[in-house]
Amino acid sequence: MVSQAELSSLETAIRELSERITLAADELVGTKEEDVALDLYEVERSLKTAQRRIARAADGLAKS
């Protein structure tokens, strides 16, 4: 059975990945690969949504 600690660990991993993607995208802004940066920012937004949903799921486990 999944635990709150496991979900918290996944949330942390997603947050760290999101931060790395943002840094990579930031490096591409203002270059000829800026379109890649825009794609990476979209991925980052999706990961932030996933992070929030995992946090909500962890809270749900804590309440049950």
C-alpha atoms as a PDB file:
ATOM      1  CA  MET A   1       0.000   0.000   0.000  1.00  0.00           C
ATOM      2  CA  VAL A   2       1.269   3.476  -0.837  1.00  0.00           C
ATOM      3  CA  SER A   3       2.190   5.626   2.143  1.00  0.00           C
ATOM      4  CA  GLN A   4       2.131   9.346   2.765  1.00  0.00           C
ATOM      5  CA  ALA A   5       5.936   9.261   3.025  1.00  0.00           C
ATOM      6  CA  GLU A   6       6.228   7.651  -0.409  1.00  0.00           C
ATOM      7  CA  LEU A   7       3.957  10.281  -1.958  1.00  0.00           C
ATOM      8  CA  SER A   8       5.952  13.007  -0.240  1.00  0.00           C
ATOM      9  CA  SER A   9       9.131  11.545  -1.722  1.00  0.00           C
ATOM     10  CA  LEU A  10       7.566  11.548  -5.186  1.00  0.00           C
ATOM     11  CA  GLU A  11       6.460  15.150  -4.708  1.00  0.00           C
ATOM     12  CA  THR A  12      10.030  16.122  -3.815  1.00  0.00           C
ATOM     13  CA  ALA A  13      11.429  14.318  -6.856  1.00  0.00           C
ATOM     14  CA  ILE A  14       8.959  16.077  -9.146  1.00  0.00           C
ATOM     15  CA  ARG A  15       9.773  19.459  -7.591  1.00  0.00           C
ATOM     16  CA  GLU A  16      13.505  18.895  -8.102  1.00  0.00           C
ATOM     17  CA  LEU A  17      12.964  17.786 -11.706  1.00  0.00           C
ATOM     18  CA  SER A  18      10.784  20.816 -12.326  1.00  0.00           C
ATOM     19  CA  GLU A  19      13.517  23.092 -10.995  1.00  0.00           C
ATOM     20  CA  ARG A  20      16.094  21.479 -13.295  1.00  0.00           C
ATOM     21  CA  ILE A  21      13.814  21.888 -16.293  1.00  0.00           C
ATOM     22  CA  THR A  22      13.237  25.545 -15.444  1.00  0.00           C
ATOM     23  CA  LEU A  23      16.991  26.159 -15.254  1.00  0.00           C
ATOM     24  CA  ALA A  24      17.480  24.492 -18.627  1.00  0.00           C
ATOM     25  CA  ALA A  25      14.699  26.566 -20.153  1.00  0.00           C
ATOM     26  CA  ASP A  26      16.077  29.773 -18.656  1.00  0.00           C
ATOM     27  CA  GLU A  27      19.412  29.108 -20.363  1.00  0.00           C
ATOM     28  CA  LEU A  28      17.673  28.924 -23.748  1.00  0.00           C
ATOM     29  CA  VAL A  29      15.711  32.166 -23.450  1.00  0.00           C
ATOM     30  CA  GLY A  30      17.076  34.740 -25.855  1.00  0.00           C
ATOM     31  CA  THR A  31      18.804  32.169 -28.053  1.00  0.00           C
ATOM     32  CA  LYS A  32      17.804  30.686 -31.369  1.00  0.00           C
ATOM     33  CA  GLU A  33      16.483  27.681 -29.389  1.00  0.00           C
ATOM     34  CA  GLU A  34      13.948  29.807 -27.502  1.00  0.00           C
ATOM     35  CA  ASP A  35      11.135  27.654 -28.906  1.00  0.00           C
ATOM     36  CA  VAL A  36      12.622  24.739 -26.964  1.00  0.00           C
ATOM     37  CA  ALA A  37      12.542  26.897 -23.822  1.00  0.00           C
ATOM     38  CA  LEU A  38       8.833  27.481 -24.340  1.00  0.00           C
ATOM     39  CA  ASP A  39       8.257  23.735 -24.592  1.00  0.00           C
ATOM     40  CA  LEU A  40      10.266  23.187 -21.429  1.00  0.00           C
ATOM     41  CA  TYR A  41       8.246  25.822 -19.563  1.00  0.00           C
ATOM     42  CA  GLU A  42       5.105  23.958 -20.579  1.00  0.00           C
ATOM     43  CA  VAL A  43       6.569  20.737 -19.191  1.00  0.00           C
ATOM     44  CA  GLU A  44       7.436  22.597 -15.992  1.00  0.00           C
ATOM     45  CA  ARG A  45       3.833  23.789 -15.624  1.00  0.00           C
ATOM     46  CA  SER A  46       2.585  20.226 -16.080  1.00  0.00           C
ATOM     47  CA  LEU A  47       4.994  18.967 -13.441  1.00  0.00           C
ATOM     48  CA  LYS A  48       3.832  21.641 -10.997  1.00  0.00           C
ATOM     49  CA  THR A  49       0.265  20.451 -11.556  1.00  0.00           C
ATOM     50  CA  ALA A  50       1.380  16.874 -10.891  1.00  0.00           C
ATOM     51  CA  GLN A  51       3.200  18.019  -7.761  1.00  0.00           C
ATOM     52  CA  ARG A  52       0.055  19.704  -6.411  1.00  0.00           C
ATOM     53  CA  ARG A  53      -2.067  16.635  -7.151  1.00  0.00           C
ATOM     54  CA  ILE A  54       0.373  14.327  -5.386  1.00  0.00           C
ATOM     55  CA  ALA A  55       0.405  16.679  -2.378  1.00  0.00           C
ATOM     56  CA  ARG A  56      -3.407  16.567  -2.342  1.00  0.00           C
ATOM     57  CA  ALA A  57      -3.323  12.765  -2.508  1.00  0.00           C
ATOM     58  CA  ALA A  58      -0.843  12.656   0.397  1.00  0.00           C
ATOM     59  CA  ASP A  59      -3.125  14.910   2.423  1.00  0.00           C
ATOM     60  CA  GLY A  60      -6.009  12.579   1.646  1.00  0.00           C
ATOM     61  CA  LEU A  61      -4.017   9.639   2.988  1.00  0.00           C
ATOM     62  CA  ALA A  62      -3.179  11.567   6.142  1.00  0.00           C
ATOM     63  CA  LYS A  63      -6.872  12.266   6.793  1.00  0.00           C
ATOM     64  CA  SER A  64      -7.961   8.650   6.353  1.00  0.00           C
END
